[in-house]
Protein backbone atom coordinates (compact mmCIF):
# COMPACT_ATOMS: atom_id res chain seq x y z
CA UNK A 1 -67.91 96.76 -96.34
CA UNK A 2 -64.27 96.58 -97.13
CA UNK A 3 -64.87 95.22 -100.65
CA UNK A 4 -67.22 98.11 -101.48
CA UNK A 5 -64.62 100.67 -100.30
CA UNK A 6 -61.93 99.00 -102.39
CA UNK A 7 -64.13 99.09 -105.50
CA UNK A 8 -64.89 102.79 -104.96
CA UNK A 9 -61.17 103.58 -104.58
CA UNK A 10 -60.27 101.74 -107.81
CA UNK A 11 -63.06 103.51 -109.72
CA UNK A 12 -61.80 106.92 -108.54
CA UNK A 13 -58.18 106.03 -109.51
CA UNK A 14 -59.18 104.93 -113.03
CA UNK A 15 -61.22 108.14 -113.49
CA UNK A 16 -58.17 110.24 -112.40
CA UNK A 17 -55.90 108.57 -114.95
CA UNK A 18 -58.42 109.14 -117.73
CA UNK A 19 -58.78 112.84 -116.88
CA UNK A 20 -55.00 113.29 -116.60
CA UNK A 21 -54.37 111.71 -120.01
CA UNK A 22 -57.08 113.92 -121.59
CA UNK A 23 -56.04 117.26 -120.14
CA UNK A 24 -52.29 116.62 -119.65
CA UNK A 25 -49.48 117.63 -122.11
CA UNK A 26 -46.54 115.65 -123.39
CA UNK A 27 -43.21 116.86 -121.93
CA UNK A 28 -41.63 116.80 -125.44
CA UNK A 29 -43.51 119.21 -127.71
CA UNK A 30 -44.34 118.00 -131.15
CA UNK A 31 -42.57 119.70 -134.07
CA UNK A 32 -44.66 122.19 -135.98
CA UNK A 33 -44.93 122.00 -139.76
CA UNK A 34 -42.83 124.74 -141.46
CA UNK A 35 -44.28 126.86 -144.17
CA UNK A 36 -42.81 125.70 -147.48
CA UNK A 37 -43.28 129.07 -149.21
CA UNK A 38 -40.04 131.21 -149.45
CA UNK A 39 -40.47 134.85 -148.51
CA UNK A 40 -38.40 137.18 -150.72
CA UNK A 41 -40.07 140.45 -149.85
CA UNK A 42 -38.90 142.72 -147.04
CA UNK A 43 -41.43 145.17 -145.71
CA UNK A 44 -40.05 148.44 -144.34
CA UNK A 45 -42.34 150.74 -142.44
CA UNK A 46 -41.98 154.37 -143.38
CA UNK A 47 -42.67 155.58 -139.85
CA UNK A 48 -42.35 154.11 -136.42
CA UNK A 49 -45.04 153.96 -133.77
CA UNK A 50 -45.57 157.27 -132.12
CA UNK A 51 -44.52 157.65 -128.54
CA UNK A 52 -47.57 158.40 -126.46
CA UNK A 53 -45.84 159.71 -123.40
CA UNK A 54 -42.92 162.07 -124.06
CA UNK A 55 -40.67 162.91 -121.09
CA UNK A 56 -39.62 166.50 -120.64
CA UNK A 57 -36.35 167.57 -122.23
CA UNK A 58 -36.35 164.82 -124.84
CA UNK A 59 -36.04 165.90 -128.49
CA UNK A 60 -36.67 163.02 -130.86
CA UNK A 61 -36.83 163.23 -134.63
CA UNK A 62 -39.23 161.24 -136.68
CA UNK A 63 -37.09 158.85 -138.79
CA UNK A 64 -38.05 158.76 -142.44
CA UNK A 65 -36.71 156.22 -144.92
CA UNK A 66 -36.83 156.96 -148.63
CA UNK A 67 -35.23 155.56 -151.75
CA UNK A 68 -35.83 158.56 -153.97
CA UNK A 69 -32.11 159.47 -154.13
CA UNK A 70 -30.90 155.93 -154.64
CA UNK A 71 -29.19 155.51 -158.01
CA UNK A 72 -28.22 152.33 -159.78
CA UNK A 73 -24.55 151.42 -160.15
CA UNK A 74 -23.31 152.75 -163.48
CA UNK A 75 -19.80 151.29 -163.17
CA UNK A 76 -18.75 147.85 -162.17
CA UNK A 77 -17.41 147.73 -158.67
CA UNK A 78 -13.62 147.49 -158.61
CA UNK A 79 -12.05 144.53 -156.96
CA UNK A 80 -9.85 145.05 -153.96
CA UNK A 81 -6.17 145.16 -154.83
CA UNK A 82 -3.23 144.86 -152.53
CA UNK A 83 -1.52 148.29 -152.21
CA UNK A 84 1.72 148.52 -154.18
CA UNK A 85 4.95 149.86 -152.74
CA UNK A 86 6.08 151.00 -156.20
CA UNK A 87 5.65 154.57 -157.43
CA UNK A 88 6.15 155.55 -161.04
CA UNK A 89 6.61 158.67 -163.16
CA UNK A 90 6.18 158.74 -166.94
CA UNK A 91 6.76 162.26 -168.24
CA UNK A 92 7.00 163.48 -171.83
CA UNK A 93 7.86 167.12 -172.51
CA UNK A 94 8.35 169.22 -175.63
CA UNK A 95 9.67 172.80 -175.45
CA UNK A 96 9.56 175.33 -178.29
CA UNK A 97 11.09 178.71 -179.01
CA UNK A 98 10.61 180.68 -182.24
CA UNK A 99 11.59 183.99 -183.83
CA UNK A 100 10.07 185.27 -187.10
CA UNK A 101 10.70 188.50 -189.03
CA UNK A 102 8.75 190.19 -191.82
CA UNK A 103 10.24 193.35 -193.32
CA UNK A 104 12.15 193.90 -190.09
CA UNK A 105 14.39 196.93 -190.48
CA UNK A 106 16.74 195.99 -187.65
CA UNK A 107 17.54 192.70 -189.36
CA UNK A 108 17.54 189.14 -188.12
CA UNK A 109 17.06 185.54 -189.25
CA UNK A 110 14.00 183.41 -188.70
CA UNK A 111 14.67 180.52 -186.35
CA UNK A 112 12.86 177.81 -184.47
CA UNK A 113 14.12 175.50 -181.73
CA UNK A 114 12.68 172.36 -180.26
CA UNK A 115 13.67 170.26 -177.27
CA UNK A 116 12.18 166.89 -176.42
CA UNK A 117 12.68 165.15 -173.10
CA UNK A 118 11.43 161.88 -171.72
CA UNK A 119 11.78 160.65 -168.13
CA UNK A 120 10.76 157.36 -166.56
CA UNK A 121 11.02 156.60 -162.84
CA UNK A 122 10.30 153.40 -160.93
CA UNK A 123 10.81 153.75 -157.18
CA UNK A 124 10.24 151.17 -154.45
CA UNK A 125 10.01 151.86 -150.73
CA UNK A 126 8.91 149.49 -147.96
CA UNK A 127 10.11 149.60 -144.38
CA UNK A 128 13.91 149.14 -144.50
CA UNK A 129 14.43 149.02 -148.27
CA UNK A 130 14.40 151.82 -150.85
CA UNK A 131 15.23 151.32 -154.53
CA UNK A 132 15.14 154.22 -157.03
CA UNK A 133 15.55 153.87 -160.80
CA UNK A 134 15.31 156.42 -163.60
CA UNK A 135 15.91 156.89 -167.33
CA UNK A 136 16.13 160.38 -168.84
CA UNK A 137 16.46 161.14 -172.55
CA UNK A 138 16.90 164.64 -174.05
CA UNK A 139 17.56 165.93 -177.55
CA UNK A 140 17.24 169.42 -178.97
CA UNK A 141 17.64 170.98 -182.44
CA UNK A 142 17.78 174.51 -183.78
CA UNK A 143 16.83 175.51 -187.33
CA UNK A 144 17.87 178.97 -188.48
CA UNK A 145 17.33 180.56 -191.86
CA UNK A 146 20.36 180.19 -194.07
CA UNK A 147 22.15 177.39 -192.21
CA UNK A 148 21.81 173.70 -191.42
CA UNK A 149 20.33 172.14 -188.32
CA UNK A 150 22.37 172.44 -185.15
CA UNK A 151 22.19 170.45 -181.96
CA UNK A 152 21.27 172.31 -178.79
CA UNK A 153 20.94 169.47 -176.25
CA UNK A 154 21.77 165.78 -176.16
CA UNK A 155 21.77 163.43 -173.18
CA UNK A 156 21.14 159.81 -172.19
CA UNK A 157 21.08 159.22 -168.44
CA UNK A 158 20.38 156.07 -166.46
CA UNK A 159 20.62 155.64 -162.72
CA UNK A 160 19.84 153.17 -159.96
CA UNK A 161 20.27 153.52 -156.18
CA UNK A 162 19.59 150.74 -153.67
CA UNK A 163 19.34 151.67 -150.00
CA UNK A 164 18.90 149.79 -146.71
CA UNK A 165 18.27 151.30 -143.28
CA UNK A 166 18.42 149.65 -139.88
CA UNK A 167 15.04 150.93 -138.64
CA UNK A 168 11.97 152.73 -139.94
CA UNK A 169 12.67 155.93 -137.98
CA UNK A 170 16.05 156.90 -139.40
CA UNK A 171 16.40 158.68 -142.75
CA UNK A 172 19.97 157.43 -143.27
CA UNK A 173 20.48 154.50 -145.65
CA UNK A 174 23.41 152.28 -146.57
CA UNK A 175 23.44 152.78 -150.33
CA UNK A 176 24.87 151.40 -153.55
CA UNK A 177 24.66 153.73 -156.54
CA UNK A 178 25.19 153.24 -160.29
CA UNK A 179 24.95 155.96 -162.97
CA UNK A 180 25.55 156.01 -166.71
CA UNK A 181 25.72 159.06 -169.03
CA UNK A 182 26.32 159.47 -172.76
CA UNK A 183 24.73 161.14 -175.82
CA UNK A 184 22.78 160.25 -178.98
CA UNK A 185 24.54 161.94 -181.89
CA UNK A 186 27.76 163.63 -182.95
CA UNK A 187 28.78 166.93 -181.45
CA UNK A 188 30.57 169.63 -183.42
CA UNK A 189 32.28 172.91 -182.80
CA UNK A 190 30.13 174.88 -185.25
CA UNK A 191 30.47 175.87 -188.04
CA UNK A 192 32.98 173.02 -188.51
CA UNK A 193 30.97 169.87 -189.31
CA UNK A 194 33.79 167.72 -190.61
CA UNK A 195 35.51 166.93 -187.31
CA UNK A 196 33.20 165.74 -184.52
CA UNK A 197 34.37 166.52 -181.03
CA UNK A 198 32.07 163.93 -179.40
CA UNK A 199 29.99 160.91 -180.43
CA UNK A 200 27.77 158.23 -178.95
CA UNK A 201 29.83 156.55 -176.18
CA UNK A 202 32.60 159.06 -176.78
CA UNK A 203 32.45 159.98 -174.05
CA UNK A 204 30.43 157.61 -171.93
CA UNK A 205 30.62 157.78 -168.14
CA UNK A 206 29.81 155.02 -165.67
CA UNK A 207 29.84 155.50 -161.88
CA UNK A 208 29.61 152.62 -159.41
CA UNK A 209 30.11 153.05 -155.69
CA UNK A 210 28.89 152.46 -152.15
CA UNK A 211 28.22 154.88 -149.35
CA UNK A 212 25.41 156.39 -147.33
CA UNK A 213 22.36 158.45 -148.22
CA UNK A 214 20.13 160.84 -146.31
CA UNK A 215 16.63 160.89 -147.82
CA UNK A 216 13.89 163.08 -146.38
CA UNK A 217 10.50 161.61 -145.53
CA UNK A 218 8.85 163.32 -148.52
CA UNK A 219 11.74 162.08 -150.73
CA UNK A 220 12.39 165.57 -152.12
CA UNK A 221 15.86 165.88 -150.59
CA UNK A 222 18.58 163.31 -151.26
CA UNK A 223 22.21 163.56 -150.14
CA UNK A 224 24.55 160.74 -151.17
CA UNK A 225 28.12 160.44 -149.85
CA UNK A 226 30.41 157.74 -151.21
CA UNK A 227 34.05 157.47 -150.10
CA UNK A 228 34.64 154.70 -152.65
CA UNK A 229 33.36 155.22 -156.19
CA UNK A 230 34.76 153.99 -159.47
CA UNK A 231 34.44 156.31 -162.45
CA UNK A 232 34.88 154.74 -165.88
CA UNK A 233 35.29 156.97 -168.94
CA UNK A 234 34.72 155.33 -172.34
CA UNK A 235 35.84 156.74 -175.69
CA UNK A 236 34.79 154.13 -178.26
CA UNK A 237 35.55 156.36 -181.24
CA UNK A 238 39.14 155.49 -182.15
CA UNK A 239 39.89 158.84 -183.79
CA UNK A 240 38.98 160.68 -180.60
CA UNK A 241 40.79 158.07 -178.50
CA UNK A 242 43.96 158.60 -180.52
CA UNK A 243 43.77 162.30 -179.67
CA UNK A 244 43.54 161.50 -175.96
CA UNK A 245 40.09 163.09 -175.65
CA UNK A 246 38.28 163.06 -172.30
CA UNK A 247 41.30 161.86 -170.35
CA UNK A 248 42.10 158.55 -172.07
CA UNK A 249 45.70 157.71 -172.96
CA UNK A 250 46.39 159.07 -176.43
CA UNK A 251 48.05 157.23 -179.30
CA UNK A 252 51.79 157.07 -179.84
CA UNK A 253 52.60 158.63 -183.22
CA UNK A 254 55.61 158.26 -185.47
CA UNK A 255 57.72 160.99 -187.01
CA UNK A 256 55.32 161.37 -189.95
CA UNK A 257 52.20 161.30 -187.79
CA UNK A 258 51.41 157.62 -188.32
CA UNK A 259 49.84 155.73 -185.40
CA UNK A 260 52.35 153.36 -183.81
CA UNK A 261 50.20 152.45 -180.82
CA UNK A 262 46.49 153.35 -180.84
CA UNK A 263 44.97 155.28 -178.01
CA UNK A 264 43.11 153.53 -175.23
CA UNK A 265 39.32 153.43 -175.23
CA UNK A 266 38.73 153.62 -171.49
CA UNK A 267 40.05 155.33 -168.41
CA UNK A 268 39.38 154.14 -164.84
CA UNK A 269 39.41 156.35 -161.76
CA UNK A 270 38.75 155.63 -158.09
CA UNK A 271 37.62 158.48 -155.91
CA UNK A 272 35.17 160.28 -153.63
CA UNK A 273 31.64 161.16 -154.85
CA UNK A 274 28.99 163.47 -153.39
CA UNK A 275 25.61 163.98 -155.05
CA UNK A 276 22.60 166.01 -153.98
CA UNK A 277 19.11 166.49 -155.41
CA UNK A 278 16.48 168.90 -154.12
CA UNK A 279 12.91 169.60 -155.24
CA UNK A 280 10.92 172.42 -153.67
CA UNK A 281 8.22 174.98 -154.44
CA UNK A 282 9.53 178.51 -154.01
CA UNK A 283 6.14 180.07 -154.89
CA UNK A 284 2.73 179.03 -156.12
CA UNK A 285 3.13 177.09 -159.38
CA UNK A 286 6.90 177.74 -159.32
CA UNK A 287 9.07 174.69 -158.72
CA UNK A 288 12.84 174.47 -158.28
CA UNK A 289 15.02 171.39 -158.81
CA UNK A 290 18.76 171.07 -158.64
CA UNK A 291 21.09 168.11 -159.26
CA UNK A 292 24.69 168.42 -158.07
CA UNK A 293 27.55 165.94 -158.50
CA UNK A 294 31.07 166.42 -157.10
CA UNK A 295 33.84 163.90 -157.77
CA UNK A 296 37.58 163.80 -157.04
CA UNK A 297 40.04 161.05 -157.93
CA UNK A 298 42.33 159.50 -155.30
CA UNK A 299 44.99 158.14 -157.65
CA UNK A 300 46.01 160.78 -160.20
CA UNK A 301 44.58 164.18 -159.29
CA UNK A 302 43.19 164.21 -155.76
CA UNK A 303 41.81 167.66 -154.98
CA UNK A 304 40.74 168.45 -158.54
CA UNK A 305 36.94 168.31 -158.30
CA UNK A 306 34.77 167.44 -161.29
CA UNK A 307 31.55 169.46 -161.06
CA UNK A 308 28.23 168.65 -162.77
CA UNK A 309 25.39 170.93 -161.65
CA UNK A 310 21.93 171.34 -163.18
CA UNK A 311 19.46 173.94 -161.92
CA UNK A 312 15.92 174.10 -163.34
CA UNK A 313 13.08 176.50 -162.61
CA UNK A 314 9.65 175.28 -163.69
CA UNK A 315 6.77 177.78 -163.99
CA UNK A 316 3.42 176.03 -164.40
CA UNK A 317 0.65 177.70 -166.41
CA UNK A 318 -1.68 174.74 -165.96
CA UNK A 319 -1.43 170.96 -165.75
CA UNK A 320 0.03 170.60 -169.24
CA UNK A 321 1.64 173.92 -170.22
CA UNK A 322 4.74 175.20 -168.44
CA UNK A 323 7.80 177.38 -168.86
CA UNK A 324 11.23 176.02 -168.04
CA UNK A 325 14.39 177.98 -167.27
CA UNK A 326 17.44 175.79 -166.92
CA UNK A 327 21.19 176.09 -166.44
CA UNK A 328 23.89 173.43 -166.66
CA UNK A 329 27.44 173.91 -165.38
CA UNK A 330 30.27 171.40 -165.96
CA UNK A 331 33.92 171.42 -165.00
CA UNK A 332 36.13 168.41 -165.75
CA UNK A 333 39.90 168.72 -165.91
CA UNK A 334 40.01 165.75 -168.33
CA UNK A 335 38.12 167.76 -170.99
CA UNK A 336 40.56 170.12 -172.72
CA UNK A 337 39.87 173.13 -174.94
CA UNK A 338 41.93 175.27 -177.38
CA UNK A 339 44.01 172.38 -178.67
CA UNK A 340 46.64 173.63 -181.16
CA UNK A 341 47.80 171.43 -184.07
CA UNK A 342 50.15 172.49 -186.87
CA UNK A 343 49.79 171.74 -190.58
CA UNK A 344 51.62 168.42 -190.24
CA UNK A 345 49.29 167.19 -187.51
CA UNK A 346 51.75 167.71 -184.72
CA UNK A 347 50.11 168.83 -181.48
CA UNK A 348 51.69 172.03 -180.29
CA UNK A 349 49.41 172.60 -177.30
CA UNK A 350 47.18 169.99 -175.65
CA UNK A 351 44.85 172.72 -174.39
CA UNK A 352 43.48 173.35 -170.95
CA UNK A 353 40.24 172.63 -169.03
CA UNK A 354 37.56 175.31 -168.97
CA UNK A 355 34.28 175.95 -167.20
CA UNK A 356 31.34 174.83 -169.38
CA UNK A 357 28.01 176.63 -169.02
CA UNK A 358 24.66 176.26 -170.79
CA UNK A 359 21.42 178.19 -170.33
CA UNK A 360 18.03 177.34 -171.85
CA UNK A 361 14.58 178.93 -171.81
CA UNK A 362 11.53 177.32 -173.35
CA UNK A 363 7.76 177.14 -173.26
CA UNK A 364 6.35 173.72 -173.76
CA UNK A 365 3.83 171.00 -173.13
CA UNK A 366 4.22 168.26 -170.54
CA UNK A 367 2.22 165.05 -170.57
CA UNK A 368 2.28 162.49 -167.77
CA UNK A 369 0.99 158.97 -168.27
C-alpha cells in the first residue's frame, strides 16, 4: 500500500515539473531582433484626433501645419562672431559752392569753390576703459575768373584720449590726452604769393597732458580738464623761425641784417587745458557740433587764454546730401599781425595779436564706409 502511494506521488510530481517547464517563462527575457532598415522619413499628421467630449467654456483651435510659406535659404548662414567693443567712423565729404554770370549787368566774376574733408575714428569702450582716436584732414580751394587758385581751408588733425574709471556707474574718467595740428600747404596773405606766412609744420602744435574727463553715456558730450598740459609749437621753416613767427625765439641779426644766431624751431609751454565737444540735434535733420579748446600757460603769460572754437551746423537733405554752415574762431597771443619792416629789413613793429574768424557755407555729398 505504501509503495503504490509513493509511486503515485512521484508520478504527480514529474507531471507538475513538465507542465511548469512548458507553460512557465524565463525570468530574463530574450533580446528581440532589431530591424536593420534605417527610417529616414518623418510622418506629420495634418490634423489631430478630434475631441469627442468638449467641456463647456473651452475654446480650442484646430492646429494646422503647412509648409506652403517655407522658403529655401538664399544666403549662407552667417557664423556667430564675438561682439566687438570697437566702434568706427569713416566719413568722406565734398562741399561745393559756385557762382556763374552771363551778360550780367551788375557785374561779377565766375567762381567755384571746393572743400574736401576726411575723418576716421576708432573708439574702444569696455567696462572701465575708454580709448578714442581720430584723424581729420581738410583742404579747400577757390578758383575765380581772372586770378590764380587760392586756399580756403587747410588742416591736419590727429588726436588720442585714453580714459580709465573706477567703476561702471561713474561717467568721470582719469584721462591722458594727446593732440597734433598742422597744415598741408603754404599759406599766403593774398595777393602776395612770394612770402608765405605759414607752411607744413610751420606751425605745428602738439599737446600732451593728463587730467580728468566727463563723458556722457551716449558719448555726445565730452568735457576734459587738465591742470598739467605741455604745448609744443614747431616752426620748421627757418625763414619763419628767424622772424619769430608763432611765438618761437627769433634770430639775432647784425647791423646789416645778416643772421648771427638763427631763430629757434620750437617753443615749449606748460599750462592748463580745457576742452569740450558736444553733438546734439536741435531739430529734425539739423545737427549741431561744437569743439572748444582753452589753454593758458603757467610760465610766461598765465591768464592769457588761447581760444580755438569750431561751431558747425549740419542740415541733412537725405543720407548723402547735406548743407554745412561752419564758423571757426581762434585767438593766440603768440600769432602777431601788422608786422612793420622798413626797406632795410629792420623790424619797426613786431605787430600785435588779433582775433581770427572764418565762416563757411557749402552744399555737399557725404559718404560713410
